[in-house]
Amino acid sequence: MKSSRSALSNKYFKADVIGNISLNEHVKLLSLSPLSVVKIPEPGQFFMLQAGSTYDPLLKRPFSIFGYEDNMLKFLYRIRGKGTQAIAGLKNGDTINLIGPLGNCYPEPQGDFIAVAGGIGIASLLPFLKRFKNRAYFFCGARNKKELVMFNETRVLSKEVFIATDDGSEGQKGFVTEILNDSLLVTRYSLPIYACGPNPMLKELAGIAADKGIKCYVSLEEHMACGVGACLGCVIKTVSGYKRVCKEGSVFDIKDIIWE
């Protein structure tokens, strides 16, 4: 039986950059070719990626797995700070260090389900939509039409798609949780919800799920330093005490989280 340290060491590997393309002004798609055998990731899991070729920034950054096929790893990410700016500068032929796959995955739905993505949350959910094609009622929220990514892909993979933008440039004007709540009132869905997005969206979703008595699983986007549970930098408050997003998550039952 392997020790936990040995099992973890098997998750460290190097990969060559084979693509790093822009999808819009702020979002890019990174494609990597691992230089060793990688355990097949499950939807909802994540990897820690080296943020640059130097020690500035020092720490790796967490990214949800967006795709894995033909021994190629794909990561969809938004350029936000120094770490993602460094990753955005990676070029074909560069080699970086990774750790993964890490964390748990989304529980398997027994039938149809609701998926809710806010912003770059689609990065975590699209593999789930692919795994369970044509079973999702997909709700997506963004600031405006230009911020929507993988729009056509989600239409192909879902039973029905609902779009909300802050400015009304695509779909319904308003927040995605508003159109979800309206839809639940009209259709009286009792389907489980799977979601990923900014914490304010998830906090609102927690209230909706509790009010309707619906099961809801969420992937949290917390800042992480190590990704393996050692530094305690990503702890969240739950009904059973503090939990590490990288180790006990990143997918949680939303009713277990204490939103502050």
C-alpha atoms as a PDB file:
ATOM      1  CA  MET A   1       0.000   0.000   0.000  1.00  0.00           C
ATOM      2  CA  LYS A   2       1.418   3.375  -1.017  1.00  0.00           C
ATOM      3  CA  SER A   3       2.021   6.056   1.563  1.00  0.00           C
ATOM      4  CA  SER A   4       0.195   9.362   1.210  1.00  0.00           C
ATOM      5  CA  ARG A   5       3.526  11.049   0.438  1.00  0.00           C
ATOM      6  CA  SER A   6       4.253   8.537  -2.325  1.00  0.00           C
ATOM      7  CA  ALA A   7       0.752   8.921  -3.747  1.00  0.00           C
ATOM      8  CA  LEU A   8       1.152  12.699  -3.764  1.00  0.00           C
ATOM      9  CA  SER A   9       4.568  12.521  -5.428  1.00  0.00           C
ATOM     10  CA  ASN A  10       2.941  10.659  -8.323  1.00  0.00           C
ATOM     11  CA  LYS A  11       0.844  13.772  -8.990  1.00  0.00           C
ATOM     12  CA  TYR A  12       3.855  16.003  -9.688  1.00  0.00           C
ATOM     13  CA  PHE A  13       4.731  16.176 -13.381  1.00  0.00           C
ATOM     14  CA  LYS A  14       5.923  18.398 -16.201  1.00  0.00           C
ATOM     15  CA  ALA A  15       4.073  19.339 -19.363  1.00  0.00           C
ATOM     16  CA  ASP A  16       4.865  21.135 -22.609  1.00  0.00           C
ATOM     17  CA  VAL A  17       2.747  24.067 -23.726  1.00  0.00           C
ATOM     18  CA  ILE A  18       1.159  23.303 -27.100  1.00  0.00           C
ATOM     19  CA  GLY A  19      -1.375  26.117 -27.184  1.00  0.00           C
ATOM     20  CA  ASN A  20      -2.329  29.262 -25.250  1.00  0.00           C
ATOM     21  CA  ILE A  21      -4.968  31.065 -27.271  1.00  0.00           C
ATOM     22  CA  SER A  22      -7.175  34.061 -26.474  1.00  0.00           C
ATOM     23  CA  LEU A  23     -10.958  33.548 -26.529  1.00  0.00           C
ATOM     24  CA  ASN A  24     -11.689  37.165 -25.670  1.00  0.00           C
ATOM     25  CA  GLU A  25      -9.919  40.127 -24.104  1.00  0.00           C
ATOM     26  CA  HIS A  26      -9.611  38.474 -20.688  1.00  0.00           C
ATOM     27  CA  VAL A  27     -10.003  34.703 -21.180  1.00  0.00           C
ATOM     28  CA  LYS A  28      -7.522  32.223 -22.635  1.00  0.00           C
ATOM     29  CA  LEU A  29      -7.391  28.477 -23.271  1.00  0.00           C
ATOM     30  CA  LEU A  30      -4.168  26.724 -22.275  1.00  0.00           C
ATOM     31  CA  SER A  31      -3.344  23.308 -23.778  1.00  0.00           C
ATOM     32  CA  LEU A  32      -0.614  21.135 -22.270  1.00  0.00           C
ATOM     33  CA  SER A  33       1.001  17.855 -23.254  1.00  0.00           C
ATOM     34  CA  PRO A  34       2.141  15.925 -20.121  1.00  0.00           C
ATOM     35  CA  LEU A  35       5.643  14.463 -20.258  1.00  0.00           C
ATOM     36  CA  SER A  36       4.615  11.489 -18.082  1.00  0.00           C
ATOM     37  CA  VAL A  37       1.526   9.413 -17.407  1.00  0.00           C
ATOM     38  CA  VAL A  38      -1.233  11.446 -15.739  1.00  0.00           C
ATOM     39  CA  LYS A  39      -4.199  10.047 -13.860  1.00  0.00           C
ATOM     40  CA  ILE A  40      -7.381  10.807 -15.788  1.00  0.00           C
ATOM     41  CA  PRO A  41      -9.083  13.779 -14.077  1.00  0.00           C
ATOM     42  CA  GLU A  42     -12.780  13.812 -13.176  1.00  0.00           C
ATOM     43  CA  PRO A  43     -15.100  16.820 -13.706  1.00  0.00           C
ATOM     44  CA  GLY A  44     -14.729  19.154 -10.731  1.00  0.00           C
ATOM     45  CA  GLN A  45     -11.101  18.287  -9.972  1.00  0.00           C
ATOM     46  CA  PHE A  46      -8.269  20.775 -10.383  1.00  0.00           C
ATOM     47  CA  PHE A  47      -4.522  21.121 -10.957  1.00  0.00           C
ATOM     48  CA  MET A  48      -1.920  23.459  -9.496  1.00  0.00           C
ATOM     49  CA  LEU A  49       0.034  25.127 -12.316  1.00  0.00           C
ATOM     50  CA  GLN A  50       3.417  26.797 -12.194  1.00  0.00           C
ATOM     51  CA  ALA A  51       2.752  30.496 -12.650  1.00  0.00           C
ATOM     52  CA  GLY A  52       5.966  31.425 -14.456  1.00  0.00           C
ATOM     53  CA  SER A  53       9.503  30.470 -15.377  1.00  0.00           C
ATOM     54  CA  THR A  54      10.968  32.335 -12.384  1.00  0.00           C
ATOM     55  CA  TYR A  55      10.210  32.456  -8.643  1.00  0.00           C
ATOM     56  CA  ASP A  56       8.052  35.569  -9.082  1.00  0.00           C
ATOM     57  CA  PRO A  57       5.268  34.697  -8.547  1.00  0.00           C
ATOM     58  CA  LEU A  58       6.465  31.871  -6.320  1.00  0.00           C
ATOM     59  CA  LEU A  59       3.269  29.916  -5.732  1.00  0.00           C
ATOM     60  CA  LYS A  60       1.395  27.731  -8.203  1.00  0.00           C
ATOM     61  CA  ARG A  61      -2.167  28.644  -9.154  1.00  0.00           C
ATOM     62  CA  PRO A  62      -5.243  26.359  -9.046  1.00  0.00           C
ATOM     63  CA  PHE A  63      -7.197  25.700 -12.249  1.00  0.00           C
ATOM     64  CA  SER A  64     -10.225  23.481 -12.776  1.00  0.00           C
ATOM     65  CA  ILE A  65      -9.723  20.819 -15.397  1.00  0.00           C
ATOM     66  CA  PHE A  66     -11.469  21.981 -18.565  1.00  0.00           C
ATOM     67  CA  GLY A  67     -10.623  19.071 -20.807  1.00  0.00           C
ATOM     68  CA  TYR A  68      -8.549  15.920 -21.112  1.00  0.00           C
ATOM     69  CA  GLU A  69      -8.345  13.952 -24.333  1.00  0.00           C
ATOM     70  CA  ASP A  70      -5.601  12.415 -26.485  1.00  0.00           C
ATOM     71  CA  ASN A  71      -3.163  12.924 -23.589  1.00  0.00           C
ATOM     72  CA  MET A  72      -3.788  16.659 -23.660  1.00  0.00           C
ATOM     73  CA  LEU A  73      -4.819  18.760 -20.656  1.00  0.00           C
ATOM     74  CA  LYS A  74      -6.843  21.922 -21.211  1.00  0.00           C
ATOM     75  CA  PHE A  75      -7.425  24.813 -18.825  1.00  0.00           C
ATOM     76  CA  LEU A  76      -9.733  27.777 -19.351  1.00  0.00           C
ATOM     77  CA  TYR A  77      -8.701  30.818 -17.308  1.00  0.00           C
ATOM     78  CA  ARG A  78      -9.291  34.516 -16.830  1.00  0.00           C
ATOM     79  CA  ILE A  79      -6.323  36.898 -16.643  1.00  0.00           C
ATOM     80  CA  ARG A  80      -6.652  38.563 -13.230  1.00  0.00           C
ATOM     81  CA  GLY A  81      -3.337  39.071 -11.438  1.00  0.00           C
ATOM     82  CA  LYS A  82       0.394  38.465 -11.602  1.00  0.00           C
ATOM     83  CA  GLY A  83       0.041  34.661 -11.652  1.00  0.00           C
ATOM     84  CA  THR A  84      -2.432  34.434 -14.517  1.00  0.00           C
ATOM     85  CA  GLN A  85      -0.578  37.172 -16.402  1.00  0.00           C
ATOM     86  CA  ALA A  86       2.544  34.998 -16.233  1.00  0.00           C
ATOM     87  CA  ILE A  87       0.601  31.968 -17.464  1.00  0.00           C
ATOM     88  CA  ALA A  88      -0.894  34.080 -20.261  1.00  0.00           C
ATOM     89  CA  GLY A  89       2.671  34.719 -21.436  1.00  0.00           C
ATOM     90  CA  LEU A  90       3.497  31.021 -21.868  1.00  0.00           C
ATOM     91  CA  LYS A  91       4.401  30.080 -25.436  1.00  0.00           C
ATOM     92  CA  ASN A  92       4.368  26.864 -27.412  1.00  0.00           C
ATOM     93  CA  GLY A  93       7.361  24.746 -26.427  1.00  0.00           C
ATOM     94  CA  ASP A  94       7.601  26.120 -22.886  1.00  0.00           C
ATOM     95  CA  THR A  95       7.636  23.511 -20.116  1.00  0.00           C
ATOM     96  CA  ILE A  96       5.901  23.985 -16.767  1.00  0.00           C
ATOM     97  CA  ASN A  97       5.410  22.035 -13.547  1.00  0.00           C
ATOM     98  CA  LEU A  98       1.994  20.838 -12.377  1.00  0.00           C
ATOM     99  CA  ILE A  99       0.393  18.940  -9.498  1.00  0.00           C
ATOM    100  CA  GLY A 100      -2.814  17.001 -10.047  1.00  0.00           C
ATOM    101  CA  PRO A 101      -5.441  15.933 -10.411  1.00  0.00           C
ATOM    102  CA  LEU A 102      -6.433  17.186  -6.954  1.00  0.00           C
ATOM    103  CA  GLY A 103      -9.633  17.420  -4.921  1.00  0.00           C
ATOM    104  CA  ASN A 104     -12.919  15.607  -5.270  1.00  0.00           C
ATOM    105  CA  CYS A 105     -15.376  15.634  -8.172  1.00  0.00           C
ATOM    106  CA  TYR A 106     -19.041  16.371  -8.783  1.00  0.00           C
ATOM    107  CA  PRO A 107     -21.358  13.556  -7.629  1.00  0.00           C
ATOM    108  CA  GLU A 108     -22.936  11.693 -10.531  1.00  0.00           C
ATOM    109  CA  PRO A 109     -26.536  12.778 -11.249  1.00  0.00           C
ATOM    110  CA  GLN A 110     -29.175  10.067 -11.455  1.00  0.00           C
ATOM    111  CA  GLY A 111     -31.065  11.820 -14.259  1.00  0.00           C
ATOM    112  CA  ASP A 112     -31.448  15.353 -15.570  1.00  0.00           C
ATOM    113  CA  PHE A 113     -29.888  18.199 -13.594  1.00  0.00           C
ATOM    114  CA  ILE A 114     -29.407  21.958 -13.459  1.00  0.00           C
ATOM    115  CA  ALA A 115     -25.976  23.504 -14.032  1.00  0.00           C
ATOM    116  CA  VAL A 116     -25.234  27.109 -13.082  1.00  0.00           C
ATOM    117  CA  ALA A 117     -22.065  28.915 -14.194  1.00  0.00           C
ATOM    118  CA  GLY A 118     -21.054  32.432 -13.305  1.00  0.00           C
ATOM    119  CA  GLY A 119     -18.216  33.987 -15.283  1.00  0.00           C
ATOM    120  CA  ILE A 120     -15.305  31.597 -15.678  1.00  0.00           C
ATOM    121  CA  GLY A 121     -17.223  28.931 -13.716  1.00  0.00           C
ATOM    122  CA  ILE A 122     -17.906  27.261 -17.078  1.00  0.00           C
ATOM    123  CA  ALA A 123     -14.321  25.962 -16.893  1.00  0.00           C
ATOM    124  CA  SER A 124     -15.339  23.539 -14.148  1.00  0.00           C
ATOM    125  CA  LEU A 125     -18.787  22.659 -15.490  1.00  0.00           C
ATOM    126  CA  LEU A 126     -18.231  22.046 -19.205  1.00  0.00           C
ATOM    127  CA  PRO A 127     -16.508  18.660 -18.649  1.00  0.00           C
ATOM    128  CA  PHE A 128     -19.530  17.684 -16.534  1.00  0.00           C
ATOM    129  CA  LEU A 129     -21.891  18.684 -19.348  1.00  0.00           C
ATOM    130  CA  LYS A 130     -19.833  16.579 -21.757  1.00  0.00           C
ATOM    131  CA  ARG A 131     -19.902  13.582 -19.431  1.00  0.00           C
ATOM    132  CA  PHE A 132     -23.716  13.761 -19.144  1.00  0.00           C
ATOM    133  CA  LYS A 133     -24.664  15.155 -22.533  1.00  0.00           C
ATOM    134  CA  ASN A 134     -28.198  16.472 -23.113  1.00  0.00           C
ATOM    135  CA  ARG A 135     -29.167  16.074 -19.454  1.00  0.00           C
ATOM    136  CA  ALA A 136     -28.516  19.616 -18.198  1.00  0.00           C
ATOM    137  CA  TYR A 137     -30.685  22.696 -17.965  1.00  0.00           C
ATOM    138  CA  PHE A 138     -27.793  25.125 -18.178  1.00  0.00           C
ATOM    139  CA  PHE A 139     -27.902  28.619 -16.653  1.00  0.00           C
ATOM    140  CA  CYS A 140     -25.025  30.962 -17.444  1.00  0.00           C
ATOM    141  CA  GLY A 141     -24.320  34.476 -16.200  1.00  0.00           C
ATOM    142  CA  ALA A 142     -21.801  37.069 -17.384  1.00  0.00           C
ATOM    143  CA  ARG A 143     -21.233  40.819 -17.342  1.00  0.00           C
ATOM    144  CA  ASN A 144     -22.014  41.155 -21.059  1.00  0.00           C
ATOM    145  CA  LYS A 145     -22.139  39.250 -24.343  1.00  0.00           C
ATOM    146  CA  LYS A 146     -18.388  39.591 -24.904  1.00  0.00           C
ATOM    147  CA  GLU A 147     -17.717  37.846 -21.585  1.00  0.00           C
ATOM    148  CA  LEU A 148     -19.629  34.702 -22.579  1.00  0.00           C
ATOM    149  CA  VAL A 149     -17.282  31.857 -23.537  1.00  0.00           C
ATOM    150  CA  MET A 150     -17.995  28.369 -24.896  1.00  0.00           C
ATOM    151  CA  PHE A 151     -21.496  29.597 -25.742  1.00  0.00           C
ATOM    152  CA  ASN A 152     -22.063  27.302 -28.745  1.00  0.00           C
ATOM    153  CA  GLU A 153     -20.546  24.301 -26.968  1.00  0.00           C
ATOM    154  CA  THR A 154     -22.974  24.563 -24.068  1.00  0.00           C
ATOM    155  CA  ARG A 155     -25.944  24.749 -26.446  1.00  0.00           C
ATOM    156  CA  VAL A 156     -24.898  21.483 -28.093  1.00  0.00           C
ATOM    157  CA  LEU A 157     -24.333  19.705 -24.785  1.00  0.00           C
ATOM    158  CA  SER A 158     -27.423  20.887 -22.866  1.00  0.00           C
ATOM    159  CA  LYS A 159     -31.153  20.187 -23.005  1.00  0.00           C
ATOM    160  CA  GLU A 160     -31.869  23.889 -22.673  1.00  0.00           C
ATOM    161  CA  VAL A 161     -29.738  26.996 -22.111  1.00  0.00           C
ATOM    162  CA  PHE A 162     -30.642  30.149 -20.186  1.00  0.00           C
ATOM    163  CA  ILE A 163     -28.412  33.227 -20.406  1.00  0.00           C
ATOM    164  CA  ALA A 164     -28.270  36.299 -18.162  1.00  0.00           C
ATOM    165  CA  THR A 165     -26.021  39.317 -18.639  1.00  0.00           C
ATOM    166  CA  ASP A 166     -25.680  42.332 -16.377  1.00  0.00           C
ATOM    167  CA  ASP A 167     -26.290  44.750 -19.262  1.00  0.00           C
ATOM    168  CA  GLY A 168     -28.835  42.698 -21.200  1.00  0.00           C
ATOM    169  CA  SER A 169     -26.596  42.404 -24.283  1.00  0.00           C
ATOM    170  CA  GLU A 170     -27.347  38.663 -24.442  1.00  0.00           C
ATOM    171  CA  GLY A 171     -30.243  36.731 -22.950  1.00  0.00           C
ATOM    172  CA  GLN A 172     -32.126  38.233 -20.022  1.00  0.00           C
ATOM    173  CA  LYS A 173     -30.862  41.328 -18.220  1.00  0.00           C
ATOM    174  CA  GLY A 174     -29.965  40.628 -14.603  1.00  0.00           C
ATOM    175  CA  PHE A 175     -28.221  38.010 -12.504  1.00  0.00           C
ATOM    176  CA  VAL A 176     -28.209  34.334 -13.400  1.00  0.00           C
ATOM    177  CA  THR A 177     -29.649  33.454  -9.971  1.00  0.00           C
ATOM    178  CA  GLU A 178     -32.669  35.626 -10.772  1.00  0.00           C
ATOM    179  CA  ILE A 179     -33.552  33.761 -13.956  1.00  0.00           C
ATOM    180  CA  LEU A 180     -32.888  30.453 -12.204  1.00  0.00           C
ATOM    181  CA  ASN A 181     -35.268  31.372  -9.385  1.00  0.00           C
ATOM    182  CA  ASP A 182     -37.912  32.534 -11.875  1.00  0.00           C
ATOM    183  CA  SER A 183     -37.564  29.292 -13.811  1.00  0.00           C
ATOM    184  CA  LEU A 184     -37.887  27.194 -10.664  1.00  0.00           C
ATOM    185  CA  LEU A 185     -41.074  29.056  -9.747  1.00  0.00           C
ATOM    186  CA  VAL A 186     -42.596  28.432 -13.188  1.00  0.00           C
ATOM    187  CA  THR A 187     -41.483  24.848 -13.855  1.00  0.00           C
ATOM    188  CA  ARG A 188     -41.210  23.603 -10.261  1.00  0.00           C
ATOM    189  CA  TYR A 189     -38.017  21.715 -11.045  1.00  0.00           C
ATOM    190  CA  SER A 190     -36.784  19.451  -8.265  1.00  0.00           C
ATOM    191  CA  LEU A 191     -33.579  18.567 -10.101  1.00  0.00           C
ATOM    192  CA  PRO A 192     -30.191  18.693  -8.362  1.00  0.00           C
ATOM    193  CA  ILE A 193     -28.066  21.762  -9.022  1.00  0.00           C
ATOM    194  CA  TYR A 194     -24.350  21.815  -9.871  1.00  0.00           C
ATOM    195  CA  ALA A 195     -22.670  25.207  -9.814  1.00  0.00           C
ATOM    196  CA  CYS A 196     -19.410  27.093 -10.050  1.00  0.00           C
ATOM    197  CA  GLY A 197     -18.885  30.834  -9.960  1.00  0.00           C
ATOM    198  CA  PRO A 198     -18.117  33.793  -7.697  1.00  0.00           C
ATOM    199  CA  ASN A 199     -19.021  33.487  -4.028  1.00  0.00           C
ATOM    200  CA  PRO A 200     -21.812  36.124  -4.086  1.00  0.00           C
ATOM    201  CA  MET A 201     -23.581  34.031  -6.736  1.00  0.00           C
ATOM    202  CA  LEU A 202     -23.110  30.831  -4.741  1.00  0.00           C
ATOM    203  CA  LYS A 203     -24.333  32.487  -1.550  1.00  0.00           C
ATOM    204  CA  GLU A 204     -27.524  33.555  -3.348  1.00  0.00           C
ATOM    205  CA  LEU A 205     -27.839  30.055  -4.784  1.00  0.00           C
ATOM    206  CA  ALA A 206     -27.609  28.575  -1.295  1.00  0.00           C
ATOM    207  CA  GLY A 207     -30.730  30.506  -0.306  1.00  0.00           C
ATOM    208  CA  ILE A 208     -32.607  29.397  -3.423  1.00  0.00           C
ATOM    209  CA  ALA A 209     -31.693  25.742  -2.928  1.00  0.00           C
ATOM    210  CA  ALA A 210     -32.691  25.850   0.747  1.00  0.00           C
ATOM    211  CA  ASP A 211     -35.980  27.589  -0.018  1.00  0.00           C
ATOM    212  CA  LYS A 212     -36.914  25.067  -2.732  1.00  0.00           C
ATOM    213  CA  GLY A 213     -35.517  22.031  -0.894  1.00  0.00           C
ATOM    214  CA  ILE A 214     -33.197  21.211  -3.806  1.00  0.00           C
ATOM    215  CA  LYS A 215     -29.888  19.379  -3.528  1.00  0.00           C
ATOM    216  CA  CYS A 216     -27.017  21.589  -4.676  1.00  0.00           C
ATOM    217  CA  TYR A 217     -23.301  20.926  -5.176  1.00  0.00           C
ATOM    218  CA  VAL A 218     -20.816  23.750  -5.715  1.00  0.00           C
ATOM    219  CA  SER A 219     -17.183  23.996  -6.723  1.00  0.00           C
ATOM    220  CA  LEU A 220     -15.513  26.796  -4.764  1.00  0.00           C
ATOM    221  CA  GLU A 221     -13.017  29.222  -6.268  1.00  0.00           C
ATOM    222  CA  GLU A 222     -10.791  29.890  -3.263  1.00  0.00           C
ATOM    223  CA  HIS A 223      -7.221  31.177  -3.266  1.00  0.00           C
ATOM    224  CA  MET A 224      -4.778  28.324  -2.642  1.00  0.00           C
ATOM    225  CA  ALA A 225      -1.097  28.242  -1.803  1.00  0.00           C
ATOM    226  CA  CYS A 226      -0.145  24.553  -1.817  1.00  0.00           C
ATOM    227  CA  GLY A 227      -3.172  22.684  -3.161  1.00  0.00           C
ATOM    228  CA  VAL A 228      -2.506  19.635  -0.995  1.00  0.00           C
ATOM    229  CA  GLY A 229      -3.934  20.637   2.388  1.00  0.00           C
ATOM    230  CA  ALA A 230      -0.666  21.515   4.140  1.00  0.00           C
ATOM    231  CA  CYS A 231      -0.786  25.313   4.391  1.00  0.00           C
ATOM    232  CA  LEU A 232      -4.418  25.788   5.529  1.00  0.00           C
ATOM    233  CA  GLY A 233      -4.630  28.838   3.280  1.00  0.00           C
ATOM    234  CA  CYS A 234      -7.968  27.891   1.699  1.00  0.00           C
ATOM    235  CA  VAL A 235     -10.090  26.940   4.709  1.00  0.00           C
ATOM    236  CA  ILE A 236     -13.806  27.695   4.739  1.00  0.00           C
ATOM    237  CA  LYS A 237     -16.337  27.544   7.550  1.00  0.00           C
ATOM    238  CA  THR A 238     -18.807  24.656   7.424  1.00  0.00           C
ATOM    239  CA  VAL A 239     -21.475  23.250   9.735  1.00  0.00           C
ATOM    240  CA  SER A 240     -18.963  20.595  10.851  1.00  0.00           C
ATOM    241  CA  GLY A 241     -16.015  22.948  11.358  1.00  0.00           C
ATOM    242  CA  TYR A 242     -13.367  24.398   9.097  1.00  0.00           C
ATOM    243  CA  LYS A 243     -12.608  22.505   5.873  1.00  0.00           C
ATOM    244  CA  ARG A 244      -9.807  22.850   3.338  1.00  0.00           C
ATOM    245  CA  VAL A 245     -11.131  23.590  -0.138  1.00  0.00           C
ATOM    246  CA  CYS A 246      -8.159  21.868  -1.771  1.00  0.00           C
ATOM    247  CA  LYS A 247      -8.416  18.693   0.310  1.00  0.00           C
ATOM    248  CA  GLU A 248     -12.039  18.225   1.424  1.00  0.00           C
ATOM    249  CA  GLY A 249     -13.284  20.020  -1.740  1.00  0.00           C
ATOM    250  CA  SER A 250     -13.275  21.750  -4.010  1.00  0.00           C
ATOM    251  CA  VAL A 251     -16.818  20.401  -4.492  1.00  0.00           C
ATOM    252  CA  PHE A 252     -19.136  20.741  -1.475  1.00  0.00           C
ATOM    253  CA  ASP A 253     -22.785  20.214  -0.681  1.00  0.00           C
ATOM    254  CA  ILE A 254     -23.953  23.827  -0.516  1.00  0.00           C
ATOM    255  CA  LYS A 255     -26.024  23.283   2.646  1.00  0.00           C
ATOM    256  CA  ASP A 256     -22.834  22.400   4.557  1.00  0.00           C
ATOM    257  CA  ILE A 257     -21.194  25.789   3.916  1.00  0.00           C
ATOM    258  CA  ILE A 258     -21.644  28.701   6.324  1.00  0.00           C
ATOM    259  CA  TRP A 259     -21.819  31.841   4.187  1.00  0.00           C
ATOM    260  CA  GLU A 260     -20.588  34.973   5.932  1.00  0.00           C
END
